[in-house]
Each structure stands twice: as structure tokens, then as C-alpha cells.
């Protein structure tokens, strides 16, 4: 759950995505929060195509809220998400990996697997471990040194979450790499025209050689260059989930108030429960239980009010508030 303002009415959870000022910018091409789906939350409906990617915990510890690449899986994106020539751009994402081998996180070619057809790529541990390799705009016959950006860093593969931003600036003719809001470096480039026929891939290169293994989250693609203040804002983006007690609920919680254990009944006509979520009264997601349970234990939480949200197999949500004494 990321940047979600949730309002509950008549037993269902009505979700409205509340973006920061950066995300509200019309230059946002696509945005992927990986909240148990691969949907584009920018409003453009550029949903990613999943080829075996799973879900895992995000940097805040929320389960099923980040994309997990197992070293063989990958995503592909619709045509409108592809990076174009002579267009400024920014790619922002969070990444966590312990892989010291060469890995490709993003790659785009003009339709074939030959190196001279590469026109966008982000790799790690290449040409040596702990290097970041950024290719833009393309090879297309020009010398390798003039079309690639390589920067040394020892933070990319520590097994912790790190935020990366890659930009291409046409006004200043340079491309830059940021890690955890700090500029690692930049180099001058000259953009050139090319025809994009191949897809934008996340998780491997086109030749099926260098797969990514690890976690990725909050992928955002812009068709302009973000400034330092905006990059700081993305780095500091915090999960905020505000909820309110529904006017009507579809299940009963008992005993209420309680000391530890609570029980609940989910009506048969709503089908099987897929997940049970526990929120604090302020709306912070505390725990997700991915199973059809009818009892939960609140003993690990302090006194106060909690909101229990049940989701059935069809995605229908219902909630109820419980008080712990």
C-alpha cells in the first residue's frame, strides 16, 4: 500500500491514489507500485505484462507490495512506455539485491538482440562488480565510450533497499545517475534518432543472458528531467494509508472490545476471504494475513482502536473497527 488514501463506504474499500506533487505532474508516463498487481497507477492504463514475477515485502515491511524477480522472471511494458529518441526522461525506482553477478534491470532494443541495436539499458555489476551501467541513447555504430555511463559505487548490492534515479537531459546534453538522492555522477551525451521496435523489458536483457534477481518497487517513468528537489521528494516518499470507519460493514467482530483474540464472521454470500489486513486507527498497515482465517490475535499490539479489512476472492473489501483494552 503506497501513497494510498483509503475511504471506506457501505462496506467496501474505495481506494483513491494520492500522489505527491511530483507524481501529479503530467510528465509522468507510467507508475508501478506493485501492490499485489502490475497495474499502471498513473491513470494511463499502461499495465505491465508479467512473465513469472512474484510479490514480496516492500522497504516498509508490507507483504506482497514489491516485485520479486527470481533470476528467471521478467516484465514487459506496452509500446507507449518505451523510451524515445530526442526526448528527455527520468527513471526512478527502488531496488534490493545481493547479486554480485551482472544483472540487467531495464533494457530496450530496436528489435534484435545484437549489441548495436541497444538504445536503452540499466545494468548493475557490469563491467565489474559494484558498477552501475547506464546506456542512453544507443550504440547504433557509435563508439561504446560515447554512449554509456559507468559509475562505481559500493552501495548497489548491499542487500538493502536503495533508491535510484537515471535522467537524460537534452538542455544540458548530459545523463546523470542518483543513488539515495545523491548525484553519483554525469557525463555529456549527444542524443540521436532511432526507431524503437523492440519492447522495454524489466528483469533481463533481450538475449536472455543477464537476469535480475532481487526486489524492485515504485517504478516511475517521466518524459522530463526531475530536479534535485523532486528527486528528494521521491526518496522521502512515505507510505500513508488513512482509513475511516465504514457507514456499514459486512461482518461482525467479537468480542469487541477485546484484550487479545477477536473472531469475525464473513457472510457466505461474499465467498472466501483472500486477505485480512490490520490497520492502526491512524491508517498504518500493521499486518497482512493472506489466508481464509476467522480469528486473529492482537496481543502484539498496544491498547487502542484497530481497523480490520477483509478482502474476498473477487476483490470486494469490507471493514470493521475493534477496540483493544
C-alpha atoms as a PDB file:
ATOM      1  CA  UNK A   1       0.000   0.000   0.000  1.00  0.00           C
ATOM      2  CA  UNK A   2       1.845   3.129  -1.132  1.00  0.00           C
ATOM      3  CA  UNK A   3       0.591   6.662  -1.188  1.00  0.00           C
ATOM      4  CA  UNK A   4      -2.977   5.417  -0.837  1.00  0.00           C
ATOM      5  CA  UNK A   5      -5.778   7.392   0.737  1.00  0.00           C
ATOM      6  CA  UNK A   6      -8.454   4.841   1.528  1.00  0.00           C
ATOM      7  CA  UNK A   7     -12.029   5.873   2.312  1.00  0.00           C
ATOM      8  CA  UNK A   8     -14.464   3.111   3.290  1.00  0.00           C
ATOM      9  CA  UNK A   9     -18.152   3.440   2.484  1.00  0.00           C
ATOM     10  CA  UNK A  10     -21.004   0.961   2.722  1.00  0.00           C
ATOM     11  CA  UNK A  11     -18.813  -2.000   3.487  1.00  0.00           C
ATOM     12  CA  UNK A  12     -16.386  -1.584   0.596  1.00  0.00           C
ATOM     13  CA  UNK A  13     -12.950  -0.018   0.455  1.00  0.00           C
ATOM     14  CA  UNK A  14     -12.963   2.814  -2.024  1.00  0.00           C
ATOM     15  CA  UNK A  15      -9.329   3.477  -2.931  1.00  0.00           C
ATOM     16  CA  UNK A  16      -8.110   6.805  -4.224  1.00  0.00           C
ATOM     17  CA  UNK A  17      -4.436   7.165  -5.091  1.00  0.00           C
ATOM     18  CA  UNK A  18      -2.993  10.314  -3.556  1.00  0.00           C
ATOM     19  CA  UNK A  19       0.241  11.249  -5.304  1.00  0.00           C
ATOM     20  CA  UNK A  20       2.856  13.716  -4.254  1.00  0.00           C
ATOM     21  CA  UNK A  21       3.304  16.888  -6.257  1.00  0.00           C
ATOM     22  CA  UNK A  22       5.941  15.120  -8.354  1.00  0.00           C
ATOM     23  CA  UNK A  23       3.582  12.314  -9.329  1.00  0.00           C
ATOM     24  CA  UNK A  24       0.747  14.709 -10.204  1.00  0.00           C
ATOM     25  CA  UNK A  25       2.948  16.214 -12.889  1.00  0.00           C
ATOM     26  CA  UNK A  26       1.589  15.497 -16.345  1.00  0.00           C
ATOM     27  CA  UNK A  27       5.064  14.347 -17.374  1.00  0.00           C
ATOM     28  CA  UNK A  28       4.533  11.060 -15.508  1.00  0.00           C
ATOM     29  CA  UNK A  29       4.343   8.428 -18.247  1.00  0.00           C
ATOM     30  CA  UNK A  30       3.792   5.360 -16.083  1.00  0.00           C
ATOM     31  CA  UNK A  31       3.940   4.355 -12.419  1.00  0.00           C
ATOM     32  CA  UNK A  32       4.096   0.870 -10.905  1.00  0.00           C
ATOM     33  CA  UNK A  33       3.681   0.391  -7.149  1.00  0.00           C
ATOM     34  CA  UNK A  34       3.456  -3.442  -7.375  1.00  0.00           C
ATOM     35  CA  UNK A  35       0.734  -3.597  -4.714  1.00  0.00           C
ATOM     36  CA  UNK A  36      -0.014  -7.257  -5.496  1.00  0.00           C
ATOM     37  CA  UNK A  37      -0.532  -6.292  -9.144  1.00  0.00           C
ATOM     38  CA  UNK A  38       1.329  -4.936 -12.157  1.00  0.00           C
ATOM     39  CA  UNK A  39      -1.106  -2.130 -12.910  1.00  0.00           C
ATOM     40  CA  UNK A  40      -0.038   1.330 -14.024  1.00  0.00           C
ATOM     41  CA  UNK A  41      -1.256   3.812 -11.392  1.00  0.00           C
ATOM     42  CA  UNK A  42      -0.519   6.917 -13.488  1.00  0.00           C
ATOM     43  CA  UNK A  43      -4.005   6.844 -14.987  1.00  0.00           C
ATOM     44  CA  UNK A  44      -2.728   5.873 -18.451  1.00  0.00           C
ATOM     45  CA  UNK A  45      -3.512   2.157 -18.040  1.00  0.00           C
ATOM     46  CA  UNK A  46      -0.085   1.052 -19.272  1.00  0.00           C
ATOM     47  CA  UNK A  47      -0.176  -2.160 -17.243  1.00  0.00           C
ATOM     48  CA  UNK A  48       2.961  -4.316 -17.331  1.00  0.00           C
ATOM     49  CA  UNK A  49       2.875  -7.867 -18.707  1.00  0.00           C
ATOM     50  CA  UNK A  50       4.074 -10.353 -16.115  1.00  0.00           C
ATOM     51  CA  UNK A  51       6.339 -13.229 -17.085  1.00  0.00           C
ATOM     52  CA  UNK A  52       6.710 -15.077 -13.784  1.00  0.00           C
ATOM     53  CA  UNK A  53       7.437 -12.199 -11.386  1.00  0.00           C
ATOM     54  CA  UNK A  54       6.216 -12.731  -7.815  1.00  0.00           C
ATOM     55  CA  UNK A  55       5.429 -10.351  -4.968  1.00  0.00           C
ATOM     56  CA  UNK A  56       7.369  -9.830  -1.756  1.00  0.00           C
ATOM     57  CA  UNK A  57       7.756  -7.348   1.105  1.00  0.00           C
ATOM     58  CA  UNK A  58       8.488  -3.728   0.281  1.00  0.00           C
ATOM     59  CA  UNK A  59      11.002  -1.478   2.035  1.00  0.00           C
ATOM     60  CA  UNK A  60       8.429  -0.727   4.747  1.00  0.00           C
ATOM     61  CA  UNK A  61       7.855  -4.407   5.511  1.00  0.00           C
ATOM     62  CA  UNK A  62       4.419  -4.568   3.887  1.00  0.00           C
ATOM     63  CA  UNK A  63       3.950  -8.046   2.401  1.00  0.00           C
ATOM     64  CA  UNK A  64       3.039  -8.552  -1.263  1.00  0.00           C
ATOM     65  CA  UNK A  65       3.873  -4.922  -2.080  1.00  0.00           C
ATOM     66  CA  UNK A  66       7.058  -5.175  -4.135  1.00  0.00           C
ATOM     67  CA  UNK A  67       8.030  -7.081  -7.269  1.00  0.00           C
ATOM     68  CA  UNK A  68      10.271 -10.094  -6.658  1.00  0.00           C
ATOM     69  CA  UNK A  69      12.415 -11.301  -9.574  1.00  0.00           C
ATOM     70  CA  UNK A  70      13.739 -14.832  -9.058  1.00  0.00           C
ATOM     71  CA  UNK A  71      16.536 -14.711 -11.640  1.00  0.00           C
ATOM     72  CA  UNK A  72      14.369 -16.036 -14.489  1.00  0.00           C
ATOM     73  CA  UNK A  73      11.262 -13.870 -14.410  1.00  0.00           C
ATOM     74  CA  UNK A  74      10.735 -10.500 -16.067  1.00  0.00           C
ATOM     75  CA  UNK A  75       8.180  -7.865 -17.107  1.00  0.00           C
ATOM     76  CA  UNK A  76       7.480  -6.239 -20.446  1.00  0.00           C
ATOM     77  CA  UNK A  77       5.780  -2.890 -20.927  1.00  0.00           C
ATOM     78  CA  UNK A  78       3.326  -1.511 -23.506  1.00  0.00           C
ATOM     79  CA  UNK A  79       4.565   0.397 -26.521  1.00  0.00           C
ATOM     80  CA  UNK A  80       3.685   3.806 -25.059  1.00  0.00           C
ATOM     81  CA  UNK A  81       6.095   3.290 -22.150  1.00  0.00           C
ATOM     82  CA  UNK A  82       9.159   2.816 -24.346  1.00  0.00           C
ATOM     83  CA  UNK A  83      11.963   5.374 -24.231  1.00  0.00           C
ATOM     84  CA  UNK A  84      12.085   7.529 -27.328  1.00  0.00           C
ATOM     85  CA  UNK A  85      14.944   9.410 -29.013  1.00  0.00           C
ATOM     86  CA  UNK A  86      15.304  13.175 -28.668  1.00  0.00           C
ATOM     87  CA  UNK A  87      13.089  13.126 -25.585  1.00  0.00           C
ATOM     88  CA  UNK A  88      14.203  13.961 -22.043  1.00  0.00           C
ATOM     89  CA  UNK A  89      13.439  11.306 -19.460  1.00  0.00           C
ATOM     90  CA  UNK A  90      13.716  10.223 -15.843  1.00  0.00           C
ATOM     91  CA  UNK A  91      13.512   6.700 -14.446  1.00  0.00           C
ATOM     92  CA  UNK A  92      13.021   6.327 -10.689  1.00  0.00           C
ATOM     93  CA  UNK A  93      12.857   3.040  -8.777  1.00  0.00           C
ATOM     94  CA  UNK A  94      13.769   1.262  -5.554  1.00  0.00           C
ATOM     95  CA  UNK A  95      15.907  -1.876  -5.723  1.00  0.00           C
ATOM     96  CA  UNK A  96      17.214  -4.526  -3.347  1.00  0.00           C
ATOM     97  CA  UNK A  97      19.618  -7.271  -4.386  1.00  0.00           C
ATOM     98  CA  UNK A  98      22.519  -9.346  -3.111  1.00  0.00           C
ATOM     99  CA  UNK A  99      23.624 -10.493  -6.555  1.00  0.00           C
ATOM    100  CA  UNK A 100      27.248  -9.709  -7.410  1.00  0.00           C
ATOM    101  CA  UNK A 101      26.879 -11.084 -10.934  1.00  0.00           C
ATOM    102  CA  UNK A 102      25.988  -8.912 -13.904  1.00  0.00           C
ATOM    103  CA  UNK A 103      22.278  -8.125 -13.860  1.00  0.00           C
ATOM    104  CA  UNK A 104      20.105  -6.152 -16.246  1.00  0.00           C
ATOM    105  CA  UNK A 105      17.207  -4.284 -14.707  1.00  0.00           C
ATOM    106  CA  UNK A 106      15.932  -2.481 -17.835  1.00  0.00           C
ATOM    107  CA  UNK A 107      16.687  -2.952 -21.492  1.00  0.00           C
ATOM    108  CA  UNK A 108      15.229  -1.804 -24.786  1.00  0.00           C
ATOM    109  CA  UNK A 109      16.447  -2.586 -28.295  1.00  0.00           C
ATOM    110  CA  UNK A 110      15.157  -1.733 -31.725  1.00  0.00           C
ATOM    111  CA  UNK A 111      14.010  -5.284 -32.342  1.00  0.00           C
ATOM    112  CA  UNK A 112      17.012  -7.597 -32.398  1.00  0.00           C
ATOM    113  CA  UNK A 113      19.436  -8.994 -29.867  1.00  0.00           C
ATOM    114  CA  UNK A 114      22.605  -7.613 -31.431  1.00  0.00           C
ATOM    115  CA  UNK A 115      24.585  -5.106 -29.344  1.00  0.00           C
ATOM    116  CA  UNK A 116      24.482  -2.379 -31.995  1.00  0.00           C
ATOM    117  CA  UNK A 117      20.705  -2.261 -31.663  1.00  0.00           C
ATOM    118  CA  UNK A 118      20.658  -1.393 -27.941  1.00  0.00           C
ATOM    119  CA  UNK A 119      19.152   2.043 -27.322  1.00  0.00           C
ATOM    120  CA  UNK A 120      18.426   1.998 -23.586  1.00  0.00           C
ATOM    121  CA  UNK A 121      19.710  -0.057 -20.692  1.00  0.00           C
ATOM    122  CA  UNK A 122      20.355  -0.041 -16.948  1.00  0.00           C
ATOM    123  CA  UNK A 123      22.619  -2.764 -15.568  1.00  0.00           C
ATOM    124  CA  UNK A 124      24.493  -3.403 -12.350  1.00  0.00           C
ATOM    125  CA  UNK A 125      27.794  -5.163 -11.653  1.00  0.00           C
ATOM    126  CA  UNK A 126      28.959  -4.501 -15.204  1.00  0.00           C
ATOM    127  CA  UNK A 127      31.671  -4.393 -16.410  1.00  0.00           C
ATOM    128  CA  UNK A 128      32.807  -5.133 -12.832  1.00  0.00           C
ATOM    129  CA  UNK A 129      31.032  -5.811  -9.537  1.00  0.00           C
ATOM    130  CA  UNK A 130      29.554  -2.720  -7.884  1.00  0.00           C
ATOM    131  CA  UNK A 131      29.423  -0.738 -11.108  1.00  0.00           C
ATOM    132  CA  UNK A 132      26.280   0.926 -12.424  1.00  0.00           C
ATOM    133  CA  UNK A 133      25.991   0.825 -16.216  1.00  0.00           C
ATOM    134  CA  UNK A 134      23.619   3.272 -17.915  1.00  0.00           C
ATOM    135  CA  UNK A 135      23.266   3.178 -21.710  1.00  0.00           C
ATOM    136  CA  UNK A 136      21.499   6.019 -23.496  1.00  0.00           C
ATOM    137  CA  UNK A 137      20.677   6.918 -26.204  1.00  0.00           C
ATOM    138  CA  UNK A 138      22.068   3.948 -28.154  1.00  0.00           C
ATOM    139  CA  UNK A 139      25.030   2.192 -29.677  1.00  0.00           C
ATOM    140  CA  UNK A 140      23.972   2.288 -33.337  1.00  0.00           C
ATOM    141  CA  UNK A 141      27.523   2.182 -34.575  1.00  0.00           C
ATOM    142  CA  UNK A 142      28.929   4.959 -32.396  1.00  0.00           C
ATOM    143  CA  UNK A 143      31.848   4.193 -30.065  1.00  0.00           C
ATOM    144  CA  UNK A 144      30.918   2.454 -26.827  1.00  0.00           C
ATOM    145  CA  UNK A 145      32.540   5.131 -24.678  1.00  0.00           C
ATOM    146  CA  UNK A 146      30.309   7.853 -26.076  1.00  0.00           C
ATOM    147  CA  UNK A 147      27.024   6.152 -25.387  1.00  0.00           C
ATOM    148  CA  UNK A 148      27.425   4.522 -21.993  1.00  0.00           C
ATOM    149  CA  UNK A 149      27.639   5.838 -18.482  1.00  0.00           C
ATOM    150  CA  UNK A 150      29.557   3.765 -15.956  1.00  0.00           C
ATOM    151  CA  UNK A 151      29.915   4.801 -12.335  1.00  0.00           C
ATOM    152  CA  UNK A 152      31.495   2.969  -9.419  1.00  0.00           C
ATOM    153  CA  UNK A 153      29.507   2.550  -6.233  1.00  0.00           C
ATOM    154  CA  UNK A 154      29.666   0.079  -3.364  1.00  0.00           C
ATOM    155  CA  UNK A 155      26.053   0.633  -2.288  1.00  0.00           C
ATOM    156  CA  UNK A 156      24.168  -1.096  -5.089  1.00  0.00           C
ATOM    157  CA  UNK A 157      24.476  -4.664  -3.819  1.00  0.00           C
ATOM    158  CA  UNK A 158      24.463  -4.441  -0.038  1.00  0.00           C
ATOM    159  CA  UNK A 159      21.211  -6.366   0.353  1.00  0.00           C
ATOM    160  CA  UNK A 160      19.404  -3.203   1.463  1.00  0.00           C
ATOM    161  CA  UNK A 161      16.837  -1.106  -0.351  1.00  0.00           C
ATOM    162  CA  UNK A 162      18.285   1.739  -2.408  1.00  0.00           C
ATOM    163  CA  UNK A 163      16.621   4.414  -4.492  1.00  0.00           C
ATOM    164  CA  UNK A 164      17.976   5.047  -7.992  1.00  0.00           C
ATOM    165  CA  UNK A 165      17.191   7.830 -10.453  1.00  0.00           C
ATOM    166  CA  UNK A 166      18.507   7.924 -14.032  1.00  0.00           C
ATOM    167  CA  UNK A 167      17.998  11.036 -16.149  1.00  0.00           C
ATOM    168  CA  UNK A 168      18.619  12.176 -19.710  1.00  0.00           C
ATOM    169  CA  UNK A 169      18.813  15.968 -20.008  1.00  0.00           C
ATOM    170  CA  UNK A 170      18.623  17.372 -23.542  1.00  0.00           C
ATOM    171  CA  UNK A 171      19.003  21.018 -22.494  1.00  0.00           C
ATOM    172  CA  UNK A 172      22.370  20.324 -20.881  1.00  0.00           C
ATOM    173  CA  UNK A 173      23.176  17.307 -23.093  1.00  0.00           C
ATOM    174  CA  UNK A 174      24.035  15.017 -20.206  1.00  0.00           C
ATOM    175  CA  UNK A 175      22.794  11.916 -18.438  1.00  0.00           C
ATOM    176  CA  UNK A 176      23.022  11.521 -14.687  1.00  0.00           C
ATOM    177  CA  UNK A 177      22.758   8.807 -12.052  1.00  0.00           C
ATOM    178  CA  UNK A 178      21.494   9.335  -8.492  1.00  0.00           C
ATOM    179  CA  UNK A 179      21.534   6.884  -5.621  1.00  0.00           C
ATOM    180  CA  UNK A 180      19.580   7.605  -2.440  1.00  0.00           C
ATOM    181  CA  UNK A 181      19.074  11.197  -3.693  1.00  0.00           C
ATOM    182  CA  UNK A 182      22.827  11.765  -4.061  1.00  0.00           C
ATOM    183  CA  UNK A 183      24.248  12.527  -7.505  1.00  0.00           C
ATOM    184  CA  UNK A 184      26.818   9.827  -8.279  1.00  0.00           C
ATOM    185  CA  UNK A 185      27.942  11.484 -11.483  1.00  0.00           C
ATOM    186  CA  UNK A 186      27.076  12.566 -15.007  1.00  0.00           C
ATOM    187  CA  UNK A 187      28.561  12.634 -18.462  1.00  0.00           C
ATOM    188  CA  UNK A 188      27.888  14.589 -21.665  1.00  0.00           C
ATOM    189  CA  UNK A 189      25.918  12.904 -24.438  1.00  0.00           C
ATOM    190  CA  UNK A 190      24.547  13.716 -27.851  1.00  0.00           C
ATOM    191  CA  UNK A 191      21.134  12.226 -28.475  1.00  0.00           C
ATOM    192  CA  UNK A 192      20.485  10.624 -31.867  1.00  0.00           C
ATOM    193  CA  UNK A 193      17.407   9.382 -33.661  1.00  0.00           C
ATOM    194  CA  UNK A 194      16.467   5.715 -33.723  1.00  0.00           C
ATOM    195  CA  UNK A 195      13.382   3.647 -34.423  1.00  0.00           C
ATOM    196  CA  UNK A 196      12.069   1.675 -31.455  1.00  0.00           C
ATOM    197  CA  UNK A 197      10.593  -1.671 -32.452  1.00  0.00           C
ATOM    198  CA  UNK A 198      11.521  -3.879 -29.521  1.00  0.00           C
ATOM    199  CA  UNK A 199       9.785  -3.817 -26.131  1.00  0.00           C
ATOM    200  CA  UNK A 200      11.019  -2.264 -22.914  1.00  0.00           C
ATOM    201  CA  UNK A 201      11.918  -5.191 -20.648  1.00  0.00           C
ATOM    202  CA  UNK A 202      12.457  -5.193 -16.900  1.00  0.00           C
ATOM    203  CA  UNK A 203      14.339  -8.070 -15.291  1.00  0.00           C
ATOM    204  CA  UNK A 204      16.574  -9.310 -18.123  1.00  0.00           C
ATOM    205  CA  UNK A 205      18.334  -8.336 -21.307  1.00  0.00           C
ATOM    206  CA  UNK A 206      16.892  -9.217 -24.687  1.00  0.00           C
ATOM    207  CA  UNK A 207      19.331 -12.109 -25.177  1.00  0.00           C
ATOM    208  CA  UNK A 208      18.107 -13.914 -22.045  1.00  0.00           C
ATOM    209  CA  UNK A 209      21.611 -13.752 -20.559  1.00  0.00           C
ATOM    210  CA  UNK A 210      21.642 -11.350 -17.624  1.00  0.00           C
ATOM    211  CA  UNK A 211      18.579 -11.764 -15.422  1.00  0.00           C
ATOM    212  CA  UNK A 212      17.858  -9.651 -12.377  1.00  0.00           C
ATOM    213  CA  UNK A 213      17.385 -11.378  -9.047  1.00  0.00           C
ATOM    214  CA  UNK A 214      16.057  -9.314  -6.187  1.00  0.00           C
ATOM    215  CA  UNK A 215      13.287  -6.867  -5.392  1.00  0.00           C
ATOM    216  CA  UNK A 216      12.125  -3.742  -7.188  1.00  0.00           C
ATOM    217  CA  UNK A 217       9.460  -1.250  -6.283  1.00  0.00           C
ATOM    218  CA  UNK A 218       7.874   2.122  -7.043  1.00  0.00           C
ATOM    219  CA  UNK A 219       8.976   2.310 -10.673  1.00  0.00           C
ATOM    220  CA  UNK A 220       8.173   5.709 -12.183  1.00  0.00           C
ATOM    221  CA  UNK A 221       8.950   6.915 -15.695  1.00  0.00           C
ATOM    222  CA  UNK A 222       8.787  10.591 -16.722  1.00  0.00           C
ATOM    223  CA  UNK A 223       9.219  12.345 -20.046  1.00  0.00           C
ATOM    224  CA  UNK A 224      11.223  15.183 -18.495  1.00  0.00           C
ATOM    225  CA  UNK A 225      14.192  15.611 -16.169  1.00  0.00           C
ATOM    226  CA  UNK A 226      13.362  15.849 -12.482  1.00  0.00           C
ATOM    227  CA  UNK A 227      15.258  18.380 -10.397  1.00  0.00           C
ATOM    228  CA  UNK A 228      17.027  17.708  -7.102  1.00  0.00           C
ATOM    229  CA  UNK A 229      14.061  18.798  -5.005  1.00  0.00           C
ATOM    230  CA  UNK A 230      11.767  16.393  -6.839  1.00  0.00           C
ATOM    231  CA  UNK A 231      14.261  13.551  -6.515  1.00  0.00           C
ATOM    232  CA  UNK A 232      14.456  14.269  -2.783  1.00  0.00           C
ATOM    233  CA  UNK A 233      10.667  14.068  -2.654  1.00  0.00           C
ATOM    234  CA  UNK A 234      10.630  10.662  -4.330  1.00  0.00           C
ATOM    235  CA  UNK A 235      13.314   9.383  -1.979  1.00  0.00           C
ATOM    236  CA  UNK A 236      11.352  10.587   1.050  1.00  0.00           C
ATOM    237  CA  UNK A 237       8.010   9.283  -0.182  1.00  0.00           C
ATOM    238  CA  UNK A 238       6.310   7.605   2.764  1.00  0.00           C
ATOM    239  CA  UNK A 239       3.534   5.049   2.892  1.00  0.00           C
ATOM    240  CA  UNK A 240       0.427   6.750   4.233  1.00  0.00           C
ATOM    241  CA  UNK A 241      -2.860   4.905   4.488  1.00  0.00           C
ATOM    242  CA  UNK A 242      -5.716   6.855   6.027  1.00  0.00           C
ATOM    243  CA  UNK A 243      -8.886   4.922   6.772  1.00  0.00           C
ATOM    244  CA  UNK A 244     -12.215   5.719   8.352  1.00  0.00           C
ATOM    245  CA  UNK A 245     -14.861   3.510   9.909  1.00  0.00           C
ATOM    246  CA  UNK A 246     -17.450   2.473   7.296  1.00  0.00           C
ATOM    247  CA  UNK A 247     -21.079   3.506   7.470  1.00  0.00           C
ATOM    248  CA  UNK A 248     -21.961  -0.157   7.073  1.00  0.00           C
ATOM    249  CA  UNK A 249     -19.979  -3.357   7.464  1.00  0.00           C
ATOM    250  CA  UNK A 250     -20.499  -6.847   6.088  1.00  0.00           C
ATOM    251  CA  UNK A 251     -19.019  -8.798   9.021  1.00  0.00           C
ATOM    252  CA  UNK A 252     -19.149  -8.854  12.810  1.00  0.00           C
ATOM    253  CA  UNK A 253     -16.161  -8.645  15.160  1.00  0.00           C
ATOM    254  CA  UNK A 254     -16.449 -10.186  18.628  1.00  0.00           C
ATOM    255  CA  UNK A 255     -15.700  -9.769  21.412  1.00  0.00           C
ATOM    256  CA  UNK A 256     -15.481  -6.037  20.974  1.00  0.00           C
ATOM    257  CA  UNK A 257     -13.841  -4.552  22.952  1.00  0.00           C
ATOM    258  CA  UNK A 258     -11.268  -7.286  23.459  1.00  0.00           C
ATOM    259  CA  UNK A 259      -7.975  -7.961  25.195  1.00  0.00           C
ATOM    260  CA  UNK A 260      -6.228 -10.182  22.628  1.00  0.00           C
ATOM    261  CA  UNK A 261      -8.130 -12.593  20.369  1.00  0.00           C
ATOM    262  CA  UNK A 262     -11.007 -11.488  18.163  1.00  0.00           C
ATOM    263  CA  UNK A 263     -13.342 -13.530  15.985  1.00  0.00           C
ATOM    264  CA  UNK A 264     -15.302 -12.466  12.948  1.00  0.00           C
ATOM    265  CA  UNK A 265     -17.929 -13.869  10.619  1.00  0.00           C
ATOM    266  CA  UNK A 266     -17.777 -13.182   6.899  1.00  0.00           C
ATOM    267  CA  UNK A 267     -21.175 -13.867   5.264  1.00  0.00           C
ATOM    268  CA  UNK A 268     -21.287 -16.892   2.955  1.00  0.00           C
ATOM    269  CA  UNK A 269     -22.710 -14.884   0.079  1.00  0.00           C
ATOM    270  CA  UNK A 270     -19.481 -12.859  -0.098  1.00  0.00           C
ATOM    271  CA  UNK A 271     -17.422 -16.002  -0.679  1.00  0.00           C
ATOM    272  CA  UNK A 272     -13.988 -16.931   0.620  1.00  0.00           C
ATOM    273  CA  UNK A 273     -11.729 -14.400   2.321  1.00  0.00           C
ATOM    274  CA  UNK A 274      -8.472 -13.822   0.426  1.00  0.00           C
ATOM    275  CA  UNK A 275      -6.670 -11.487   2.839  1.00  0.00           C
ATOM    276  CA  UNK A 276      -7.114  -9.995   6.286  1.00  0.00           C
ATOM    277  CA  UNK A 277      -5.425  -6.647   6.943  1.00  0.00           C
ATOM    278  CA  UNK A 278      -4.921  -4.953  10.308  1.00  0.00           C
ATOM    279  CA  UNK A 279      -4.654  -1.146  10.329  1.00  0.00           C
ATOM    280  CA  UNK A 280      -3.991   1.223  13.186  1.00  0.00           C
ATOM    281  CA  UNK A 281      -6.621   3.869  13.859  1.00  0.00           C
ATOM    282  CA  UNK A 282      -4.367   6.363  12.052  1.00  0.00           C
ATOM    283  CA  UNK A 283      -4.402   4.143   8.969  1.00  0.00           C
ATOM    284  CA  UNK A 284      -0.971   2.494   9.121  1.00  0.00           C
ATOM    285  CA  UNK A 285      -0.943  -1.039   7.735  1.00  0.00           C
ATOM    286  CA  UNK A 286       0.329  -3.273  10.539  1.00  0.00           C
ATOM    287  CA  UNK A 287      -0.098  -6.758   9.143  1.00  0.00           C
ATOM    288  CA  UNK A 288      -1.474  -8.678   6.179  1.00  0.00           C
ATOM    289  CA  UNK A 289      -2.682 -12.264   6.612  1.00  0.00           C
ATOM    290  CA  UNK A 290      -3.048 -13.997   3.211  1.00  0.00           C
ATOM    291  CA  UNK A 291      -5.471 -16.721   4.265  1.00  0.00           C
ATOM    292  CA  UNK A 292      -9.088 -17.539   4.985  1.00  0.00           C
ATOM    293  CA  UNK A 293      -8.948 -17.127   8.769  1.00  0.00           C
ATOM    294  CA  UNK A 294     -11.778 -16.251  11.135  1.00  0.00           C
ATOM    295  CA  UNK A 295      -9.703 -15.375  14.216  1.00  0.00           C
ATOM    296  CA  UNK A 296      -6.736 -13.059  14.722  1.00  0.00           C
ATOM    297  CA  UNK A 297      -4.519 -12.263  17.683  1.00  0.00           C
ATOM    298  CA  UNK A 298      -3.930  -8.635  18.661  1.00  0.00           C
ATOM    299  CA  UNK A 299      -1.680  -9.453  21.631  1.00  0.00           C
ATOM    300  CA  UNK A 300       1.396  -7.960  19.942  1.00  0.00           C
ATOM    301  CA  UNK A 301      -0.302  -4.569  19.642  1.00  0.00           C
ATOM    302  CA  UNK A 302      -0.969  -1.961  22.304  1.00  0.00           C
ATOM    303  CA  UNK A 303      -4.298  -0.691  23.529  1.00  0.00           C
ATOM    304  CA  UNK A 304      -6.371   1.401  21.150  1.00  0.00           C
ATOM    305  CA  UNK A 305      -8.606   1.110  18.120  1.00  0.00           C
ATOM    306  CA  UNK A 306      -7.798  -1.021  15.077  1.00  0.00           C
ATOM    307  CA  UNK A 307      -9.442  -1.423  11.703  1.00  0.00           C
ATOM    308  CA  UNK A 308      -9.811  -4.917  10.255  1.00  0.00           C
ATOM    309  CA  UNK A 309     -10.235  -5.101   6.470  1.00  0.00           C
ATOM    310  CA  UNK A 310     -11.324  -8.334   4.773  1.00  0.00           C
ATOM    311  CA  UNK A 311     -10.971  -8.877   1.024  1.00  0.00           C
ATOM    312  CA  UNK A 312     -12.731 -11.697  -0.798  1.00  0.00           C
ATOM    313  CA  UNK A 313     -11.594 -13.529  -3.940  1.00  0.00           C
ATOM    314  CA  UNK A 314     -13.413 -11.031  -6.156  1.00  0.00           C
ATOM    315  CA  UNK A 315     -11.597  -8.092  -4.602  1.00  0.00           C
ATOM    316  CA  UNK A 316     -14.592  -6.904  -2.572  1.00  0.00           C
ATOM    317  CA  UNK A 317     -13.490  -5.243   0.667  1.00  0.00           C
ATOM    318  CA  UNK A 318     -15.296  -4.764   3.949  1.00  0.00           C
ATOM    319  CA  UNK A 319     -14.078  -3.355   7.244  1.00  0.00           C
ATOM    320  CA  UNK A 320     -14.866  -3.110  10.922  1.00  0.00           C
ATOM    321  CA  UNK A 321     -13.295  -1.374  13.888  1.00  0.00           C
ATOM    322  CA  UNK A 322     -12.280  -3.134  17.086  1.00  0.00           C
ATOM    323  CA  UNK A 323     -11.109  -1.701  20.399  1.00  0.00           C
ATOM    324  CA  UNK A 324      -8.342  -3.385  22.364  1.00  0.00           C
ATOM    325  CA  UNK A 325      -8.379  -2.796  26.101  1.00  0.00           C
END
